[in-house]
């Protein structure tokens, strides 16, 4: 499709990435749709607002707002709301399980997304590993709580071109016979030695239009700081 070719060109122009504890579109600190084992440290927080433009015609476009806080040591608490989940505002929790403090440690975390939601709650376990300072790999499993528990697999990558320009990619499966591929680019708007960071995000969800899911083009703003 022509619009996908144009959007892909934008991502090629802006290839990059820098691993930071920024929120995913779903709210939890992560990549595009998958959480990672990266976690906000105590008193760190991030805030984001996203608009998802539906490139198909089956469902309307969506908007999200979310905030995450390093509330306790090794514990991240967040809230997510907007047009989806449509039931209201929900809580996200993430617990850091790793004690390895080496240069490139293997990180592990478990968490819940959209607690109390009737159709969108899930539990996940995820691992993250830096291969080098500018390249990280992520993988994990998720259990979706719907009419029955639906298992799913997720994997992702981040690559750091420089500290101003970022790119993420992830692949998710929710127990169906297809995977959705998602890509995202972030550009750091704030510079200098300040602790606050402001990012502009552009993403494509379900890049290849897999299954019955729509394809979305996402634009968002992410803000990170320390209380």
Protein backbone atom coordinates (compact mmCIF):
# COMPACT_ATOMS: atom_id res chain seq x y z
CA UNK A 1 0.00 0.00 0.00
CA UNK A 2 1.25 3.48 -0.88
CA UNK A 3 0.73 4.98 2.58
CA UNK A 4 2.69 2.13 4.19
CA UNK A 5 5.57 2.67 1.76
CA UNK A 6 5.65 6.36 2.65
CA UNK A 7 5.59 5.65 6.38
CA UNK A 8 8.32 3.03 6.03
CA UNK A 9 10.45 5.62 4.26
CA UNK A 10 10.06 7.93 7.26
CA UNK A 11 11.30 5.19 9.58
CA UNK A 12 14.29 4.45 7.37
CA UNK A 13 15.26 8.11 7.43
CA UNK A 14 15.04 8.23 11.21
CA UNK A 15 16.64 4.85 12.09
CA UNK A 16 18.05 4.83 15.60
CA UNK A 17 17.42 4.05 19.26
CA UNK A 18 18.53 4.64 22.81
CA UNK A 19 17.34 2.42 25.64
CA UNK A 20 15.40 4.43 28.21
CA UNK A 21 12.52 3.75 30.53
CA UNK A 22 9.83 5.20 28.27
CA UNK A 23 6.21 4.02 28.17
CA UNK A 24 4.90 1.71 25.48
CA UNK A 25 1.67 2.57 23.69
CA UNK A 26 -0.14 0.27 26.14
CA UNK A 27 1.26 2.23 29.10
CA UNK A 28 3.87 0.04 30.76
CA UNK A 29 7.53 0.98 30.29
CA UNK A 30 8.64 -0.87 27.17
CA UNK A 31 8.91 -0.76 23.37
CA UNK A 32 5.80 -0.30 21.18
CA UNK A 33 3.22 -2.79 22.45
CA UNK A 34 5.40 -5.09 24.58
CA UNK A 35 6.74 -4.32 28.06
CA UNK A 36 10.45 -4.79 28.73
CA UNK A 37 12.41 -5.67 31.86
CA UNK A 38 13.60 -2.05 32.07
CA UNK A 39 11.99 -0.36 35.04
CA UNK A 40 11.78 3.15 36.44
CA UNK A 41 14.07 3.71 39.41
CA UNK A 42 12.70 5.14 42.63
CA UNK A 43 11.21 8.64 42.07
CA UNK A 44 11.62 8.50 38.29
CA UNK A 45 8.45 9.00 36.26
CA UNK A 46 7.28 9.20 32.67
CA UNK A 47 4.16 10.61 31.05
CA UNK A 48 2.90 10.10 27.49
CA UNK A 49 -0.01 11.00 25.24
CA UNK A 50 -0.59 9.10 21.98
CA UNK A 51 -2.98 9.32 19.06
CA UNK A 52 -3.51 6.19 16.97
CA UNK A 53 -4.71 6.94 13.43
CA UNK A 54 -6.51 3.91 11.98
CA UNK A 55 -5.19 3.25 8.47
CA UNK A 56 -8.00 0.75 7.84
CA UNK A 57 -11.74 1.37 8.03
CA UNK A 58 -12.94 -1.31 10.43
CA UNK A 59 -12.60 0.64 13.68
CA UNK A 60 -12.22 4.30 14.72
CA UNK A 61 -8.92 5.95 15.60
CA UNK A 62 -7.79 5.86 19.25
CA UNK A 63 -6.04 8.00 21.84
CA UNK A 64 -4.15 7.04 25.01
CA UNK A 65 -2.70 8.79 28.03
CA UNK A 66 -0.49 7.17 30.62
CA UNK A 67 1.82 7.83 33.56
CA UNK A 68 4.33 5.55 35.31
CA UNK A 69 6.24 6.14 38.56
CA UNK A 70 9.09 4.33 40.29
CA UNK A 71 7.04 4.14 43.47
CA UNK A 72 9.27 1.76 45.44
CA UNK A 73 12.62 0.08 44.96
CA UNK A 74 12.29 -2.38 42.03
CA UNK A 75 8.58 -1.52 41.65
CA UNK A 76 6.87 0.52 38.93
CA UNK A 77 3.23 1.61 39.15
CA UNK A 78 1.32 3.19 36.30
CA UNK A 79 -2.07 4.29 35.03
CA UNK A 80 -3.42 4.13 31.49
CA UNK A 81 -6.63 5.54 30.02
CA UNK A 82 -8.19 6.83 26.83
CA UNK A 83 -10.48 5.41 24.18
CA UNK A 84 -8.90 1.95 24.53
CA UNK A 85 -9.27 0.26 26.98
CA UNK A 86 -12.82 1.55 26.66
CA UNK A 87 -13.84 0.55 30.19
CA UNK A 88 -11.99 3.35 31.98
CA UNK A 89 -8.61 4.00 33.60
CA UNK A 90 -6.58 0.99 34.70
CA UNK A 91 -3.52 0.23 36.80
CA UNK A 92 -0.25 -1.33 35.61
CA UNK A 93 2.32 -2.96 37.93
CA UNK A 94 5.85 -4.13 37.18
CA UNK A 95 8.34 -5.83 39.52
CA UNK A 96 12.04 -6.08 38.79
CA UNK A 97 13.44 -9.55 39.59
CA UNK A 98 17.12 -9.17 38.67
CA UNK A 99 20.00 -8.50 41.05
CA UNK A 100 22.79 -8.64 38.44
CA UNK A 101 24.54 -5.26 38.33
CA UNK A 102 27.19 -5.97 35.68
CA UNK A 103 27.77 -3.75 32.67
CA UNK A 104 25.25 -5.61 30.49
CA UNK A 105 23.12 -7.61 32.96
CA UNK A 106 20.30 -9.96 32.04
CA UNK A 107 17.20 -8.22 33.39
CA UNK A 108 13.94 -9.95 34.30
CA UNK A 109 10.58 -8.54 35.32
CA UNK A 110 6.99 -9.64 35.86
CA UNK A 111 3.92 -7.47 35.76
CA UNK A 112 0.23 -6.89 35.19
CA UNK A 113 -1.39 -4.60 32.63
CA UNK A 114 -4.91 -3.11 32.73
CA UNK A 115 -5.84 -4.56 36.11
CA UNK A 116 -9.64 -4.83 36.70
CA UNK A 117 -10.39 -4.64 32.96
CA UNK A 118 -12.91 -7.25 31.83
CA UNK A 119 -11.29 -8.05 28.47
CA UNK A 120 -7.83 -6.43 28.42
CA UNK A 121 -6.01 -7.53 31.60
CA UNK A 122 -2.84 -9.58 31.26
CA UNK A 123 0.10 -11.00 33.20
CA UNK A 124 3.58 -11.12 31.66
CA UNK A 125 7.14 -12.23 32.32
CA UNK A 126 9.90 -10.65 30.26
CA UNK A 127 13.69 -10.62 29.95
CA UNK A 128 15.92 -7.89 28.51
CA UNK A 129 19.60 -8.06 27.61
CA UNK A 130 22.00 -5.47 26.26
CA UNK A 131 24.26 -7.04 23.63
CA UNK A 132 26.31 -3.86 23.50
CA UNK A 133 25.75 -0.30 24.66
CA UNK A 134 23.61 0.59 21.64
CA UNK A 135 21.76 -2.70 21.06
CA UNK A 136 19.26 -4.54 23.26
CA UNK A 137 17.13 -7.67 22.86
CA UNK A 138 13.87 -8.45 24.66
CA UNK A 139 11.62 -11.50 24.91
CA UNK A 140 8.84 -12.85 27.04
CA UNK A 141 5.43 -14.42 27.46
CA UNK A 142 2.03 -12.96 28.23
CA UNK A 143 -1.26 -14.42 29.48
CA UNK A 144 -4.36 -12.48 28.41
CA UNK A 145 -7.38 -12.77 30.71
CA UNK A 146 -10.41 -12.91 28.42
CA UNK A 147 -13.27 -15.42 28.48
CA UNK A 148 -10.41 -17.88 28.95
CA UNK A 149 -6.69 -17.43 29.53
CA UNK A 150 -4.94 -16.87 26.18
CA UNK A 151 -1.12 -17.34 26.13
CA UNK A 152 1.07 -15.22 23.88
CA UNK A 153 4.70 -14.67 22.90
CA UNK A 154 6.52 -11.37 22.41
CA UNK A 155 10.00 -10.31 21.27
CA UNK A 156 11.63 -6.98 20.55
CA UNK A 157 14.80 -5.05 19.79
CA UNK A 158 16.19 -1.59 20.41
CA UNK A 159 19.19 -0.01 18.70
CA UNK A 160 20.98 3.21 19.70
CA UNK A 161 22.16 5.39 16.82
CA UNK A 162 22.78 8.33 19.15
CA UNK A 163 21.19 9.78 22.28
CA UNK A 164 18.76 11.95 20.32
CA UNK A 165 17.19 9.53 17.85
CA UNK A 166 15.66 6.15 18.77
CA UNK A 167 14.12 3.11 17.06
CA UNK A 168 12.26 0.15 18.55
CA UNK A 169 10.71 -2.91 16.99
CA UNK A 170 8.58 -5.65 18.52
CA UNK A 171 6.62 -8.71 17.48
CA UNK A 172 3.62 -10.01 19.44
CA UNK A 173 1.36 -13.05 19.36
CA UNK A 174 -1.77 -13.51 21.46
CA UNK A 175 -2.39 -17.21 20.92
CA UNK A 176 -3.66 -16.79 17.36
CA UNK A 177 -1.89 -18.24 14.35
CA UNK A 178 -0.38 -14.91 13.33
CA UNK A 179 2.06 -12.33 14.67
CA UNK A 180 1.83 -8.56 14.56
CA UNK A 181 4.98 -6.56 13.72
CA UNK A 182 5.34 -3.06 15.16
CA UNK A 183 8.04 -0.41 14.61
CA UNK A 184 8.65 2.91 16.32
CA UNK A 185 10.98 5.89 16.09
CA UNK A 186 11.55 8.43 18.87
CA UNK A 187 13.29 11.78 18.56
CA UNK A 188 14.62 13.55 21.65
CA UNK A 189 13.45 17.15 21.67
CA UNK A 190 15.18 18.26 24.89
CA UNK A 191 18.96 18.46 24.99
CA UNK A 192 21.68 19.37 27.47
CA UNK A 193 22.42 18.20 31.02
CA UNK A 194 18.88 18.56 32.40
CA UNK A 195 17.28 15.49 33.99
CA UNK A 196 14.05 15.98 32.05
CA UNK A 197 13.72 14.45 28.58
CA UNK A 198 11.00 15.06 25.99
CA UNK A 199 10.53 12.69 23.04
CA UNK A 200 8.40 12.77 19.91
CA UNK A 201 7.26 9.27 18.91
CA UNK A 202 6.01 7.88 15.58
CA UNK A 203 4.96 4.23 15.32
CA UNK A 204 3.22 1.76 13.06
CA UNK A 205 1.24 -1.02 14.75
CA UNK A 206 0.53 -4.22 12.84
CA UNK A 207 2.77 -3.16 9.97
CA UNK A 208 1.75 -6.00 7.64
CA UNK A 209 -1.97 -6.04 8.50
CA UNK A 210 -1.87 -9.50 10.07
CA UNK A 211 -5.08 -11.29 11.03
CA UNK A 212 -8.17 -9.28 11.90
CA UNK A 213 -6.26 -6.47 13.62
CA UNK A 214 -6.21 -3.01 12.07
CA UNK A 215 -3.05 -1.12 11.13
CA UNK A 216 -2.45 2.10 13.08
CA UNK A 217 -0.07 5.02 12.64
CA UNK A 218 0.78 6.46 16.04
CA UNK A 219 1.99 9.93 16.99
CA UNK A 220 2.85 10.70 20.58
CA UNK A 221 4.79 12.75 23.10
CA UNK A 222 6.79 11.10 25.91
CA UNK A 223 8.22 12.95 28.92
CA UNK A 224 10.71 11.57 31.47
CA UNK A 225 11.97 13.18 34.69
CA UNK A 226 12.83 12.62 38.35
CA UNK A 227 10.61 13.77 41.22
